[in-house]
N, C-alpha and C. Protein backbone atom coordinates (compact mmCIF):
# COMPACT_ATOMS: atom_id res chain seq x y z
N MET A 1 -60.77 46.77 1.90
CA MET A 1 -60.58 45.37 2.01
C MET A 1 -61.90 44.59 1.85
N GLU A 2 -62.89 45.11 2.54
CA GLU A 2 -64.10 44.33 2.52
C GLU A 2 -64.72 44.38 1.04
N ALA A 3 -64.60 45.56 0.38
CA ALA A 3 -65.03 45.65 -0.97
C ALA A 3 -64.47 44.74 -1.98
N LEU A 4 -63.13 44.55 -1.79
CA LEU A 4 -62.30 43.42 -2.61
C LEU A 4 -62.80 42.04 -2.27
N ILE A 5 -63.06 41.71 -1.06
CA ILE A 5 -63.40 40.49 -0.75
C ILE A 5 -64.80 40.32 -1.19
N LEU A 6 -65.79 41.20 -1.25
CA LEU A 6 -66.98 41.20 -1.79
C LEU A 6 -67.08 40.94 -3.24
N VAL A 7 -66.30 41.61 -3.91
CA VAL A 7 -66.04 41.40 -5.48
C VAL A 7 -65.67 39.95 -5.81
N LEU A 8 -64.66 39.59 -5.05
CA LEU A 8 -64.21 38.07 -5.24
C LEU A 8 -65.34 37.16 -4.98
N HIS A 9 -66.09 37.39 -4.03
CA HIS A 9 -66.98 36.41 -3.60
C HIS A 9 -68.15 36.49 -4.64
N ILE A 10 -68.52 37.56 -5.13
CA ILE A 10 -69.61 37.56 -6.28
C ILE A 10 -69.06 36.91 -7.45
N LEU A 11 -67.83 37.22 -7.97
CA LEU A 11 -67.24 36.63 -9.08
C LEU A 11 -67.09 35.20 -8.94
N ALA A 12 -66.79 34.69 -7.73
CA ALA A 12 -66.70 33.22 -7.58
C ALA A 12 -68.03 32.51 -7.76
N ALA A 13 -69.10 33.24 -7.22
CA ALA A 13 -70.48 32.59 -7.35
C ALA A 13 -70.90 32.62 -8.75
N VAL A 14 -70.54 33.58 -9.56
CA VAL A 14 -70.94 33.57 -11.00
C VAL A 14 -70.23 32.57 -11.71
N VAL A 15 -68.82 32.40 -11.52
CA VAL A 15 -68.03 31.34 -12.20
C VAL A 15 -68.53 30.00 -11.81
N ILE A 16 -68.90 29.80 -10.48
CA ILE A 16 -69.32 28.40 -9.99
C ILE A 16 -70.69 28.13 -10.80
N ILE A 17 -71.54 29.15 -10.93
CA ILE A 17 -72.80 28.94 -11.59
C ILE A 17 -72.48 28.53 -13.21
N THR A 18 -71.61 29.26 -13.66
CA THR A 18 -71.26 29.12 -15.13
C THR A 18 -70.53 27.60 -15.26
N LEU A 19 -69.63 27.25 -14.47
CA LEU A 19 -69.04 25.97 -14.55
C LEU A 19 -70.00 24.83 -14.35
N VAL A 20 -70.92 24.98 -13.50
CA VAL A 20 -71.85 23.85 -13.22
C VAL A 20 -72.85 23.75 -14.43
N LEU A 21 -73.21 24.92 -15.09
CA LEU A 21 -73.96 24.69 -16.29
C LEU A 21 -73.30 24.07 -17.43
N LEU A 22 -71.96 24.39 -17.49
CA LEU A 22 -71.20 23.91 -18.67
C LEU A 22 -70.92 22.37 -18.48
N GLN A 23 -70.98 21.81 -17.40
CA GLN A 23 -70.63 20.48 -17.18
C GLN A 23 -71.69 19.58 -17.73
N GLN A 24 -71.27 18.38 -18.39
CA GLN A 24 -72.16 17.52 -18.82
C GLN A 24 -72.56 16.62 -17.82
N GLY A 25 -73.95 16.11 -17.90
CA GLY A 25 -74.59 15.05 -17.02
C GLY A 25 -74.03 13.77 -17.08
N LYS A 26 -74.29 13.02 -16.11
CA LYS A 26 -73.77 11.59 -16.19
C LYS A 26 -74.28 10.88 -17.33
N GLY A 27 -75.54 11.19 -17.86
CA GLY A 27 -76.00 10.38 -18.82
C GLY A 27 -75.46 10.72 -20.30
N ALA A 28 -74.71 11.86 -20.33
CA ALA A 28 -74.11 12.30 -21.64
C ALA A 28 -72.94 11.25 -22.04
N ASP A 29 -72.36 10.57 -21.10
CA ASP A 29 -71.26 9.66 -21.29
C ASP A 29 -71.68 8.44 -22.25
N ALA A 30 -72.90 8.08 -22.09
CA ALA A 30 -73.48 6.97 -22.98
C ALA A 30 -73.52 7.19 -24.40
N GLY A 31 -73.88 8.41 -24.75
CA GLY A 31 -73.81 8.85 -26.19
C GLY A 31 -72.39 8.95 -26.64
N ALA A 32 -71.52 9.25 -25.89
CA ALA A 32 -70.05 9.68 -26.38
C ALA A 32 -69.47 8.10 -26.52
N SER A 33 -69.85 7.21 -25.96
CA SER A 33 -69.13 5.87 -26.31
C SER A 33 -69.53 5.30 -27.60
N PHE A 34 -70.61 5.80 -28.15
CA PHE A 34 -70.94 5.32 -29.62
C PHE A 34 -70.35 6.28 -30.64
N GLY A 35 -69.48 7.25 -30.16
CA GLY A 35 -68.83 7.98 -31.19
C GLY A 35 -69.44 9.39 -31.29
N GLY A 36 -70.47 9.74 -30.54
CA GLY A 36 -71.10 11.08 -30.79
C GLY A 36 -70.55 12.11 -30.07
N GLY A 37 -70.00 13.00 -30.57
CA GLY A 37 -69.48 14.20 -29.93
C GLY A 37 -68.12 14.17 -29.29
N ALA A 38 -67.34 13.10 -29.34
CA ALA A 38 -65.97 12.96 -28.65
C ALA A 38 -64.99 13.81 -29.51
N SER A 39 -65.17 13.97 -30.81
CA SER A 39 -64.24 14.61 -31.58
C SER A 39 -64.52 16.22 -31.49
N GLN A 40 -65.70 16.60 -31.04
CA GLN A 40 -66.08 17.96 -31.08
C GLN A 40 -65.75 18.67 -29.81
N THR A 41 -65.10 18.06 -28.78
CA THR A 41 -64.83 18.67 -27.41
C THR A 41 -63.38 19.49 -27.71
N VAL A 42 -63.37 20.51 -26.92
CA VAL A 42 -62.01 21.28 -26.76
C VAL A 42 -61.00 20.65 -26.09
N PHE A 43 -61.34 20.04 -25.00
CA PHE A 43 -60.37 19.34 -24.01
C PHE A 43 -60.06 17.90 -24.31
N GLY A 44 -60.68 17.34 -25.38
CA GLY A 44 -60.46 15.91 -25.63
C GLY A 44 -61.67 15.19 -25.08
N GLY A 45 -61.74 13.87 -25.22
CA GLY A 45 -62.78 13.08 -24.88
C GLY A 45 -63.00 12.87 -23.40
N GLN A 46 -61.88 12.77 -22.51
CA GLN A 46 -61.97 12.60 -21.03
C GLN A 46 -61.68 13.96 -20.41
N GLY A 47 -61.02 14.85 -21.08
CA GLY A 47 -60.40 16.00 -20.30
C GLY A 47 -61.34 17.00 -19.79
N SER A 48 -62.55 17.26 -20.39
CA SER A 48 -63.49 18.23 -20.13
C SER A 48 -63.99 17.99 -18.61
N GLY A 49 -64.43 16.90 -18.52
CA GLY A 49 -65.11 16.55 -17.07
C GLY A 49 -64.15 16.73 -16.00
N SER A 50 -62.75 16.42 -16.01
CA SER A 50 -61.84 16.49 -15.03
C SER A 50 -61.47 18.07 -14.86
N PHE A 51 -61.37 18.75 -15.98
CA PHE A 51 -60.93 20.23 -16.00
C PHE A 51 -62.06 21.03 -15.28
N PHE A 52 -63.31 20.73 -15.67
CA PHE A 52 -64.43 21.60 -15.14
C PHE A 52 -64.72 21.26 -13.64
N GLY A 53 -64.43 19.91 -13.40
CA GLY A 53 -64.47 19.51 -11.95
C GLY A 53 -63.54 20.16 -10.97
N LYS A 54 -62.30 20.16 -11.57
CA LYS A 54 -61.24 20.97 -10.76
C LYS A 54 -61.37 22.38 -10.63
N MET A 55 -61.96 23.00 -11.63
CA MET A 55 -62.11 24.48 -11.67
C MET A 55 -63.34 24.79 -10.73
N THR A 56 -64.30 24.01 -10.74
CA THR A 56 -65.53 24.00 -9.92
C THR A 56 -65.01 23.96 -8.36
N ALA A 57 -64.13 22.97 -8.08
CA ALA A 57 -63.68 22.73 -6.66
C ALA A 57 -62.82 24.05 -6.34
N LEU A 58 -62.00 24.61 -7.20
CA LEU A 58 -61.17 25.64 -6.82
C LEU A 58 -62.06 26.89 -6.62
N PHE A 59 -63.00 27.32 -7.40
CA PHE A 59 -63.89 28.35 -7.10
C PHE A 59 -64.77 28.11 -5.95
N ALA A 60 -65.06 26.79 -5.59
CA ALA A 60 -65.91 26.60 -4.42
C ALA A 60 -65.04 26.95 -3.17
N LEU A 61 -63.74 26.54 -3.38
CA LEU A 61 -62.91 26.98 -2.09
C LEU A 61 -62.72 28.47 -2.02
N ILE A 62 -62.58 29.18 -3.04
CA ILE A 62 -62.48 30.67 -3.02
C ILE A 62 -63.90 31.15 -2.39
N PHE A 63 -64.95 30.69 -2.94
CA PHE A 63 -66.28 31.18 -2.42
C PHE A 63 -66.32 30.82 -0.81
N PHE A 64 -65.92 29.68 -0.35
CA PHE A 64 -66.06 29.39 1.00
C PHE A 64 -65.02 30.24 1.87
N VAL A 65 -63.90 30.52 1.38
CA VAL A 65 -62.86 31.48 2.14
C VAL A 65 -63.51 32.83 2.12
N THR A 66 -64.05 33.30 1.03
CA THR A 66 -64.55 34.68 1.09
C THR A 66 -65.76 34.85 1.97
N SER A 67 -66.51 33.73 1.87
CA SER A 67 -67.75 33.79 2.92
C SER A 67 -67.26 33.87 4.31
N PHE A 68 -66.38 33.15 4.80
CA PHE A 68 -65.83 33.18 6.18
C PHE A 68 -65.13 34.52 6.54
N SER A 69 -64.45 35.15 5.45
CA SER A 69 -63.86 36.37 5.67
C SER A 69 -64.88 37.51 5.79
N LEU A 70 -65.92 37.40 5.02
CA LEU A 70 -66.95 38.42 5.13
C LEU A 70 -67.63 38.35 6.51
N ALA A 71 -67.90 37.04 6.92
CA ALA A 71 -68.55 36.91 8.18
C ALA A 71 -67.69 37.44 9.38
N TYR A 72 -66.36 37.11 9.22
CA TYR A 72 -65.39 37.64 10.27
C TYR A 72 -65.38 39.19 10.32
N LEU A 73 -65.34 39.72 9.09
CA LEU A 73 -65.24 41.34 9.09
C LEU A 73 -66.54 41.80 9.68
N ALA A 74 -67.64 41.28 9.19
CA ALA A 74 -68.90 41.73 9.75
C ALA A 74 -69.01 41.71 11.41
N SER A 75 -68.39 40.59 11.90
CA SER A 75 -68.51 40.33 13.31
C SER A 75 -67.51 41.42 14.16
N GLN A 76 -66.47 41.86 13.41
CA GLN A 76 -65.51 42.82 13.90
C GLN A 76 -66.19 44.15 14.04
N GLN A 77 -66.81 44.39 12.91
CA GLN A 77 -67.57 45.62 12.68
C GLN A 77 -68.64 45.73 13.89
N ALA A 78 -69.32 44.73 14.06
CA ALA A 78 -70.35 44.76 15.09
C ALA A 78 -69.71 44.96 16.60
N LYS A 79 -68.64 44.33 16.75
CA LYS A 79 -67.98 44.58 18.00
C LYS A 79 -67.54 45.98 18.32
N ASN A 80 -67.15 46.62 17.18
CA ASN A 80 -66.61 48.05 17.21
C ASN A 80 -67.75 49.08 17.49
N ILE A 81 -68.88 48.79 17.36
CA ILE A 81 -70.00 49.67 17.51
C ILE A 81 -70.18 49.89 19.05
N SER A 82 -69.88 51.20 19.38
CA SER A 82 -70.01 51.45 20.78
C SER A 82 -71.27 52.40 21.06
N GLY A 83 -71.87 52.14 22.15
CA GLY A 83 -73.12 53.00 22.51
C GLY A 83 -74.33 52.52 21.84
N ALA A 84 -74.40 51.17 21.31
CA ALA A 84 -75.47 50.64 20.66
C ALA A 84 -76.63 50.44 21.69
N ALA A 85 -76.24 50.01 22.89
CA ALA A 85 -77.14 49.85 23.86
C ALA A 85 -77.77 51.07 24.51
N ASP A 86 -77.17 52.26 24.17
CA ASP A 86 -77.73 53.56 24.78
C ASP A 86 -78.96 54.03 23.95
N LEU A 87 -79.14 53.46 22.78
CA LEU A 87 -80.19 53.83 21.97
C LEU A 87 -81.50 53.19 22.27
N VAL A 88 -81.45 52.15 23.06
CA VAL A 88 -82.74 51.39 23.56
C VAL A 88 -83.31 52.15 24.61
N PRO A 89 -84.70 52.54 24.41
CA PRO A 89 -85.25 53.32 25.45
C PRO A 89 -85.38 52.43 26.79
N ALA A 90 -85.40 53.14 27.93
CA ALA A 90 -85.58 52.42 29.12
C ALA A 90 -87.13 51.98 29.31
N ALA A 91 -87.42 50.98 29.97
CA ALA A 91 -88.83 50.54 30.20
C ALA A 91 -89.39 51.42 31.16
N SER A 92 -90.64 51.92 31.02
CA SER A 92 -91.21 52.68 31.75
C SER A 92 -91.73 52.14 33.13
N HIS A 93 -91.55 52.64 34.25
CA HIS A 93 -91.90 52.07 35.57
C HIS A 93 -93.30 52.30 35.82
N VAL A 94 -93.98 51.12 36.18
CA VAL A 94 -95.46 51.05 36.49
C VAL A 94 -95.67 51.42 38.01
N SER A 95 -96.19 52.63 38.18
CA SER A 95 -96.45 52.94 39.58
C SER A 95 -97.69 52.42 40.04
N ASP A 96 -98.70 52.27 39.31
CA ASP A 96 -99.90 51.76 39.77
C ASP A 96 -99.78 50.20 39.91
N SER A 97 -100.14 49.70 41.11
CA SER A 97 -100.03 48.38 41.28
C SER A 97 -101.48 47.78 41.68
N VAL A 98 -101.68 46.55 41.47
CA VAL A 98 -102.94 45.89 41.84
C VAL A 98 -102.75 44.95 42.89
N ASP A 99 -103.57 45.10 43.77
CA ASP A 99 -103.42 44.20 45.11
C ASP A 99 -104.10 42.70 44.58
N MET A 100 -103.19 41.80 44.97
CA MET A 100 -103.55 40.39 44.44
C MET A 100 -104.18 39.78 45.73
N PRO A 101 -105.28 39.02 45.41
CA PRO A 101 -105.99 38.46 46.60
C PRO A 101 -105.04 37.36 47.19
N LYS A 102 -104.97 37.29 48.51
CA LYS A 102 -104.14 36.38 49.39
C LYS A 102 -105.01 35.08 49.21
N LEU A 103 -104.15 33.96 49.26
CA LEU A 103 -104.66 32.62 49.16
C LEU A 103 -105.55 32.34 50.44
N GLY A 104 -106.64 31.65 50.28
CA GLY A 104 -107.60 31.35 51.38
C GLY A 104 -108.75 32.28 51.69
N GLU A 105 -108.49 33.58 51.09
CA GLU A 105 -109.57 34.52 51.32
C GLU A 105 -110.82 34.22 50.49
N SER A 106 -111.96 34.40 51.03
CA SER A 106 -113.21 34.00 50.43
C SER A 106 -113.52 35.31 49.59
N LYS A 107 -114.30 35.12 48.58
CA LYS A 107 -114.62 36.14 47.57
C LYS A 107 -115.88 36.82 48.26
N LYS A 108 -115.95 38.11 47.92
CA LYS A 108 -117.16 38.71 48.49
C LYS A 108 -118.25 38.40 47.52
N LYS A 109 -119.49 38.14 48.04
CA LYS A 109 -120.61 37.75 47.34
C LYS A 109 -121.22 39.03 46.66
N ALA A 110 -121.63 38.79 45.53
CA ALA A 110 -122.18 39.87 44.75
C ALA A 110 -123.56 40.04 45.13
N PRO A 111 -124.04 41.29 45.10
CA PRO A 111 -125.48 41.53 45.53
C PRO A 111 -126.49 40.66 44.53
N GLU A 112 -127.47 40.36 45.27
CA GLU A 112 -128.49 39.60 44.40
C GLU A 112 -128.97 40.37 43.31
N SER A 113 -129.18 39.84 42.08
CA SER A 113 -129.77 40.56 41.04
C SER A 113 -130.78 39.76 40.35
N LYS A 114 -131.70 40.31 39.61
CA LYS A 114 -132.61 39.67 39.12
C LYS A 114 -132.55 39.25 37.67
N SER A 115 -131.51 39.12 37.36
CA SER A 115 -130.89 38.77 35.95
C SER A 115 -130.64 37.31 35.82
N ASP A 116 -130.76 36.77 34.56
CA ASP A 116 -130.48 35.46 34.37
C ASP A 116 -129.05 35.36 34.05
N LEU A 117 -128.23 36.32 33.69
CA LEU A 117 -126.90 36.27 33.44
C LEU A 117 -126.13 35.93 34.85
N PRO A 118 -125.07 35.22 34.51
CA PRO A 118 -124.13 34.87 35.79
C PRO A 118 -123.41 36.15 36.21
N SER A 119 -122.98 36.24 37.42
CA SER A 119 -122.40 37.29 37.97
C SER A 119 -120.82 37.28 37.67
N THR A 120 -120.24 38.36 37.31
CA THR A 120 -118.73 38.35 37.05
C THR A 120 -118.11 38.71 38.23
N ASN A 121 -118.73 39.00 39.29
CA ASN A 121 -117.81 39.47 40.55
C ASN A 121 -117.32 38.28 41.31
């Protein structure tokens, strides 16, 4: 079932690309009003724009439906995977702890040194 929907999805995408490339732009209508190219069309002077527009809308609807169908099937397959959380390793427990200084305690003074560098203690 998923393979059939995927094939329809890819075919719809290719057909949409083809139909969009075959359509005339809005600027092509100005040349047709002076008699250029109106007699050479297969669908007549006005028919091609309407036909290509309707076919593009139809295949866009098919593309839309197949996209949602593929997303639904993928989500159902993800729900059916059992034991996926078992593959995640558990976090290791840290047994060594560091004592945090309590608030208000004064720091121990570092022994006096003869260096010009500041003390890091």
